[in-house]
C-alpha cells in the first residue's frame, strides 16, 4: 500500500481535530479554506480561513486571510483528479425497493469527474430521461495513493467525508444494461458543502442521513445500515484499481429514492458533516 504523510499533520498552528475543508470562490480562482461555524463556539463564527494551496496535493498553511461565509460562494470541495467510484444496492431496504437482492460483494460503477458539481449548482434534467432520481449518500474522499488496502488500514488513506447526491436516470439505467450513461451526465454528482476530516471509521459508520425534496423528507437512515462498510469498500475498490488523492467513493443510498423534475430543490443532510442543496433545471 503506497502512502504519504497527511498534509494536515503539517499544518502550522492548527490542531489535528475534525475540520471542514471547503473550496470557495471570492472574486477570483477557487481557494481552499477551513470553515468555522457559529455552532462550534469558536472565536470566528461563520467564516472561512484561506489556505495556501490544495491540501489533497501537499502540505498547506493558513494565509492569514479570513472571510465571512456569506461573502463567498462554495463550490465542489474536491474535483476528482481520476474518478468517482459508486456503490450500488448497499442498503438492504433500497435493494428491496428496487426489487433486487443485496450483493454479496460490492456492486461498483464509475462516474466521470465531469459529473461533479458543488452546492447550489443546478442538476440538469436531460431530455433523454423521464425518470430522474435523487440518491443521497455519504461520500469518502481519498487522501493518499493506495492499492490493496487492508480493511484495518483503511482509515490511513481517507482524507475525509462529504455529502453526495448520486443522480440517476432510472429509465436509462434499466434500458442500457450498464450504468455509465444513466449516472454519468454532467451535473450528476453534486458534492459538498465541504469535506470533514478526521472522523473515525466508527463515527462515519453511525451518521444519520436524510434527503428532502422541496422540503419534504424522502430518505432517512443511518450509515450503520450500510451492507458493506467504509473500510470494506476502500479495501475492495483498491483491490482492482489504484486510488489517488481526491478520488471519491459514493457508499450507496438508503431507501426512499424518487423522481426529480425541473423546478425542484433537493437537499441531502448528513449528521456531523452538513447539508448539500441543489436545484433541478431543464436542459432547455
Protein backbone atom coordinates (compact mmCIF):
# COMPACT_ATOMS: atom_id res chain seq x y z
CA UNK A 1 0.00 0.00 0.00
CA UNK A 2 1.51 3.31 -1.08
CA UNK A 3 1.15 6.18 1.37
CA UNK A 4 2.32 9.68 2.18
CA UNK A 5 2.12 11.90 5.21
CA UNK A 6 -1.23 13.53 5.88
CA UNK A 7 -0.98 17.21 4.86
CA UNK A 8 -2.93 18.28 7.93
CA UNK A 9 -0.33 16.91 10.28
CA UNK A 10 1.93 19.55 8.75
CA UNK A 11 -0.41 22.50 9.22
CA UNK A 12 1.15 25.11 11.47
CA UNK A 13 -0.89 26.37 14.39
CA UNK A 14 -3.89 24.09 13.75
CA UNK A 15 -4.96 21.22 15.99
CA UNK A 16 -5.35 17.82 14.36
CA UNK A 17 -9.09 17.55 15.00
CA UNK A 18 -12.09 17.28 12.67
CA UNK A 19 -12.10 20.25 10.31
CA UNK A 20 -14.34 21.42 7.49
CA UNK A 21 -12.31 21.88 4.35
CA UNK A 22 -14.15 23.97 1.79
CA UNK A 23 -13.36 25.13 -1.71
CA UNK A 24 -14.74 28.56 -2.45
CA UNK A 25 -14.72 31.49 -4.82
CA UNK A 26 -14.46 35.09 -3.66
CA UNK A 27 -13.94 37.07 -6.84
CA UNK A 28 -11.00 35.06 -8.15
CA UNK A 29 -9.89 31.48 -8.64
CA UNK A 30 -11.19 28.73 -6.32
CA UNK A 31 -9.42 28.67 -2.97
CA UNK A 32 -9.31 26.07 -0.21
CA UNK A 33 -10.10 27.09 3.34
CA UNK A 34 -11.12 25.93 6.80
CA UNK A 35 -14.72 26.68 7.78
CA UNK A 36 -15.72 27.65 11.31
CA UNK A 37 -19.43 27.75 12.14
CA UNK A 38 -21.22 29.60 14.89
CA UNK A 39 -22.31 26.26 16.36
CA UNK A 40 -18.65 25.44 17.06
CA UNK A 41 -18.49 28.15 19.69
CA UNK A 42 -15.15 29.38 18.38
CA UNK A 43 -13.87 32.93 18.05
CA UNK A 44 -14.58 33.25 14.29
CA UNK A 45 -18.15 32.09 13.66
CA UNK A 46 -19.40 31.53 10.11
CA UNK A 47 -16.09 32.29 8.45
CA UNK A 48 -13.59 30.57 6.18
CA UNK A 49 -9.82 30.85 6.71
CA UNK A 50 -7.85 30.64 3.46
CA UNK A 51 -5.15 28.01 2.86
CA UNK A 52 -2.04 28.38 0.72
CA UNK A 53 -2.81 25.53 -1.68
CA UNK A 54 -4.63 22.26 -2.24
CA UNK A 55 -4.49 20.07 0.88
CA UNK A 56 -5.04 16.98 -1.26
CA UNK A 57 -1.88 17.75 -3.22
CA UNK A 58 0.56 18.56 -0.43
CA UNK A 59 1.24 20.45 2.80
CA UNK A 60 -0.63 23.72 3.26
CA UNK A 61 -0.65 26.61 5.70
CA UNK A 62 -3.03 29.36 6.69
CA UNK A 63 -2.59 32.55 4.66
CA UNK A 64 -3.99 34.81 7.37
CA UNK A 65 -6.97 35.83 5.26
CA UNK A 66 -10.40 35.15 6.74
CA UNK A 67 -13.73 35.85 5.04
CA UNK A 68 -17.36 35.68 6.07
CA UNK A 69 -19.10 32.62 4.66
CA UNK A 70 -21.87 34.89 3.44
CA UNK A 71 -19.36 36.69 1.22
CA UNK A 72 -18.05 33.62 -0.64
CA UNK A 73 -19.55 31.05 -2.99
CA UNK A 74 -18.90 27.43 -2.08
CA UNK A 75 -18.03 25.13 -4.98
CA UNK A 76 -17.40 21.39 -5.09
CA UNK A 77 -14.95 20.68 -2.24
CA UNK A 78 -13.00 18.28 -4.44
CA UNK A 79 -12.66 17.79 -8.19
CA UNK A 80 -11.54 14.17 -8.50
CA UNK A 81 -8.31 14.01 -10.49
CA UNK A 82 -9.11 10.49 -11.55
CA UNK A 83 -12.53 9.01 -10.72
CA UNK A 84 -15.68 8.74 -8.70
CA UNK A 85 -16.47 5.14 -7.73
CA UNK A 86 -20.09 4.45 -6.89
CA UNK A 87 -21.52 1.54 -4.95
CA UNK A 88 -24.95 0.18 -5.75
CA UNK A 89 -27.52 -1.60 -3.59
CA UNK A 90 -25.54 -1.07 -0.38
CA UNK A 91 -28.59 -0.60 1.86
CA UNK A 92 -30.85 -3.64 2.12
CA UNK A 93 -34.04 -1.54 2.13
CA UNK A 94 -33.01 0.24 -1.07
CA UNK A 95 -32.23 -3.05 -2.78
CA UNK A 96 -35.67 -4.29 -1.71
CA UNK A 97 -37.47 -1.20 -3.04
CA UNK A 98 -35.77 -1.78 -6.39
CA UNK A 99 -36.89 -5.43 -6.36
CA UNK A 100 -33.32 -6.70 -6.11
CA UNK A 101 -31.17 -8.72 -3.75
CA UNK A 102 -28.28 -7.42 -1.68
CA UNK A 103 -24.97 -8.17 -3.38
CA UNK A 104 -22.53 -10.40 -1.53
CA UNK A 105 -19.64 -8.36 -2.89
CA UNK A 106 -19.92 -4.61 -3.51
CA UNK A 107 -21.55 -3.64 -6.80
CA UNK A 108 -19.39 -0.85 -8.20
CA UNK A 109 -19.56 1.58 -11.10
CA UNK A 110 -17.74 4.71 -12.23
CA UNK A 111 -19.00 8.26 -12.63
CA UNK A 112 -16.84 10.67 -14.68
CA UNK A 113 -15.26 13.57 -12.85
CA UNK A 114 -17.11 15.86 -15.27
CA UNK A 115 -20.32 14.91 -13.45
CA UNK A 116 -19.19 16.72 -10.27
CA UNK A 117 -20.86 19.99 -9.26
CA UNK A 118 -20.96 21.89 -5.99
CA UNK A 119 -23.61 23.16 -3.58
CA UNK A 120 -26.20 25.41 -5.16
CA UNK A 121 -25.26 24.46 -8.70
CA UNK A 122 -28.08 23.10 -10.86
CA UNK A 123 -28.70 19.44 -11.59
CA UNK A 124 -29.59 19.49 -15.29
CA UNK A 125 -32.52 17.28 -16.27
CA UNK A 126 -31.52 15.62 -19.58
CA UNK A 127 -34.03 15.46 -22.40
CA UNK A 128 -33.35 11.72 -22.76
CA UNK A 129 -34.89 10.73 -19.42
CA UNK A 130 -38.39 10.74 -17.99
CA UNK A 131 -37.38 9.36 -14.58
CA UNK A 132 -34.57 11.36 -12.95
CA UNK A 133 -33.89 10.26 -9.36
CA UNK A 134 -32.06 11.65 -6.33
CA UNK A 135 -29.88 9.34 -4.21
CA UNK A 136 -28.47 10.88 -1.02
CA UNK A 137 -25.16 9.31 0.02
CA UNK A 138 -22.13 9.52 2.28
CA UNK A 139 -19.01 10.14 0.18
CA UNK A 140 -15.46 9.16 1.11
CA UNK A 141 -12.58 11.33 -0.16
CA UNK A 142 -9.28 9.52 -0.61
CA UNK A 143 -6.14 11.30 0.60
CA UNK A 144 -3.29 9.00 -0.44
CA UNK A 145 -2.18 6.92 -3.40
CA UNK A 146 -3.11 3.40 -2.40
CA UNK A 147 -3.61 -0.11 -3.74
CA UNK A 148 -4.85 -3.26 -1.99
CA UNK A 149 -5.57 -1.57 1.33
CA UNK A 150 -6.41 -3.99 4.15
CA UNK A 151 -9.68 -3.02 5.88
CA UNK A 152 -7.83 -2.42 9.14
CA UNK A 153 -5.71 0.26 7.42
CA UNK A 154 -8.49 1.99 5.50
CA UNK A 155 -8.53 4.97 7.87
CA UNK A 156 -4.94 5.77 6.88
CA UNK A 157 -5.90 6.55 3.28
CA UNK A 158 -9.10 8.52 3.93
CA UNK A 159 -8.79 12.30 3.78
CA UNK A 160 -12.35 12.94 4.91
CA UNK A 161 -16.05 12.70 4.18
CA UNK A 162 -18.59 14.81 2.33
CA UNK A 163 -22.22 14.68 1.21
CA UNK A 164 -23.19 13.39 -2.24
CA UNK A 165 -26.21 13.00 -4.49
CA UNK A 166 -25.78 10.11 -6.94
CA UNK A 167 -28.19 11.47 -9.56
CA UNK A 168 -29.55 8.69 -11.77
CA UNK A 169 -31.74 8.36 -14.87
CA UNK A 170 -33.69 5.34 -13.64
CA UNK A 171 -35.21 4.54 -17.04
CA UNK A 172 -31.84 4.67 -18.81
CA UNK A 173 -30.31 2.56 -16.06
CA UNK A 174 -32.89 -0.14 -16.83
CA UNK A 175 -32.66 0.08 -20.61
CA UNK A 176 -28.90 0.33 -21.07
CA UNK A 177 -27.89 -2.79 -19.08
CA UNK A 178 -24.97 -0.79 -17.68
CA UNK A 179 -24.92 2.45 -15.77
CA UNK A 180 -22.40 4.82 -17.32
CA UNK A 181 -24.96 6.93 -19.21
CA UNK A 182 -27.66 6.77 -16.53
CA UNK A 183 -25.29 8.08 -13.86
CA UNK A 184 -22.68 9.93 -15.89
CA UNK A 185 -24.28 13.08 -17.30
CA UNK A 186 -22.73 16.42 -16.44
CA UNK A 187 -24.11 17.64 -13.06
CA UNK A 188 -24.98 14.10 -11.87
CA UNK A 189 -22.57 14.09 -8.91
CA UNK A 190 -23.25 17.01 -6.56
CA UNK A 191 -20.71 17.09 -3.70
CA UNK A 192 -20.44 19.37 -0.68
CA UNK A 193 -20.76 21.62 1.11
CA UNK A 194 -17.27 20.77 2.42
CA UNK A 195 -15.09 17.84 3.46
CA UNK A 196 -14.96 16.92 7.14
CA UNK A 197 -11.60 15.43 8.11
CA UNK A 198 -10.51 13.18 10.96
CA UNK A 199 -13.78 11.36 11.54
CA UNK A 200 -13.08 7.85 12.75
CA UNK A 201 -14.44 4.85 10.87
CA UNK A 202 -16.72 4.23 13.84
CA UNK A 203 -18.11 7.76 13.62
CA UNK A 204 -18.54 7.53 9.84
CA UNK A 205 -20.43 4.28 10.38
CA UNK A 206 -23.11 5.78 12.60
CA UNK A 207 -24.21 9.01 10.92
CA UNK A 208 -27.84 9.98 10.26
CA UNK A 209 -28.57 10.71 6.59
CA UNK A 210 -31.71 12.37 5.24
CA UNK A 211 -32.89 13.70 1.90
CA UNK A 212 -35.67 16.21 1.27
CA UNK A 213 -37.36 17.18 -1.97
CA UNK A 214 -38.90 20.65 -1.88
CA UNK A 215 -38.72 20.48 1.92
CA UNK A 216 -40.48 17.10 2.20
CA UNK A 217 -38.42 14.29 3.70
CA UNK A 218 -37.96 11.35 1.33
CA UNK A 219 -34.99 9.45 2.77
CA UNK A 220 -33.79 8.83 6.32
CA UNK A 221 -31.37 6.17 7.51
CA UNK A 222 -28.15 5.65 9.45
CA UNK A 223 -24.88 4.74 7.78
CA UNK A 224 -24.80 1.90 10.31
CA UNK A 225 -27.16 0.15 7.85
CA UNK A 226 -24.55 0.02 5.08
CA UNK A 227 -24.26 -3.59 3.91
CA UNK A 228 -20.58 -3.07 3.14
CA UNK A 229 -19.00 -0.52 5.48
CA UNK A 230 -16.50 2.17 4.58
CA UNK A 231 -13.39 0.14 5.45
CA UNK A 232 -14.54 -2.82 3.39
CA UNK A 233 -15.42 -0.59 0.44
CA UNK A 234 -11.99 1.08 0.45
CA UNK A 235 -10.35 -2.33 0.65
CA UNK A 236 -12.46 -3.89 -2.09
CA UNK A 237 -12.23 -0.99 -4.54
CA UNK A 238 -8.49 -0.60 -4.05
CA UNK A 239 -8.09 -4.32 -4.84
CA UNK A 240 -8.89 -3.66 -8.51
CA UNK A 241 -7.97 -0.01 -9.08
CA UNK A 242 -5.35 2.29 -7.65
CA UNK A 243 -6.98 5.07 -5.66
CA UNK A 244 -5.49 8.55 -5.98
CA UNK A 245 -5.73 11.62 -3.75
CA UNK A 246 -9.06 13.29 -4.48
CA UNK A 247 -10.80 10.15 -5.71
CA UNK A 248 -14.31 9.85 -4.27
CA UNK A 249 -16.22 6.75 -3.20
CA UNK A 250 -20.02 7.01 -3.04
CA UNK A 251 -21.11 4.49 -0.42
CA UNK A 252 -24.68 3.84 -1.59
CA UNK A 253 -28.14 5.25 -0.96
CA UNK A 254 -30.86 4.21 1.50
CA UNK A 255 -34.49 3.53 0.64
CA UNK A 256 -36.76 6.35 -0.47
CA UNK A 257 -35.21 7.37 -3.79
CA UNK A 258 -37.58 9.19 -6.11
CA UNK A 259 -38.19 11.38 -9.09
CA UNK A 260 -36.99 14.95 -9.54
CA UNK A 261 -38.42 17.46 -12.00
CA UNK A 262 -37.23 20.85 -13.25
CA UNK A 263 -38.08 23.43 -10.60
CA UNK A 264 -37.49 21.00 -7.72
CA UNK A 265 -34.95 21.53 -4.98
CA UNK A 266 -33.20 18.56 -3.36
CA UNK A 267 -31.21 18.62 -0.11
CA UNK A 268 -29.11 15.86 1.40
CA UNK A 269 -28.06 16.22 5.05
CA UNK A 270 -25.56 14.06 6.91
CA UNK A 271 -25.05 14.43 10.63
CA UNK A 272 -21.68 15.96 11.62
CA UNK A 273 -20.98 16.95 8.00
CA UNK A 274 -23.62 19.31 6.62
CA UNK A 275 -26.30 19.86 4.00
CA UNK A 276 -25.90 19.77 0.23
CA UNK A 277 -28.66 21.56 -1.70
CA UNK A 278 -29.13 21.75 -5.46
CA UNK A 279 -31.93 22.98 -7.72
CA UNK A 280 -33.10 20.96 -10.72
CA UNK A 281 -33.24 22.76 -14.05
CA UNK A 282 -34.39 21.81 -17.52
CA UNK A 283 -31.74 21.26 -20.16
CA UNK A 284 -33.55 23.74 -22.42
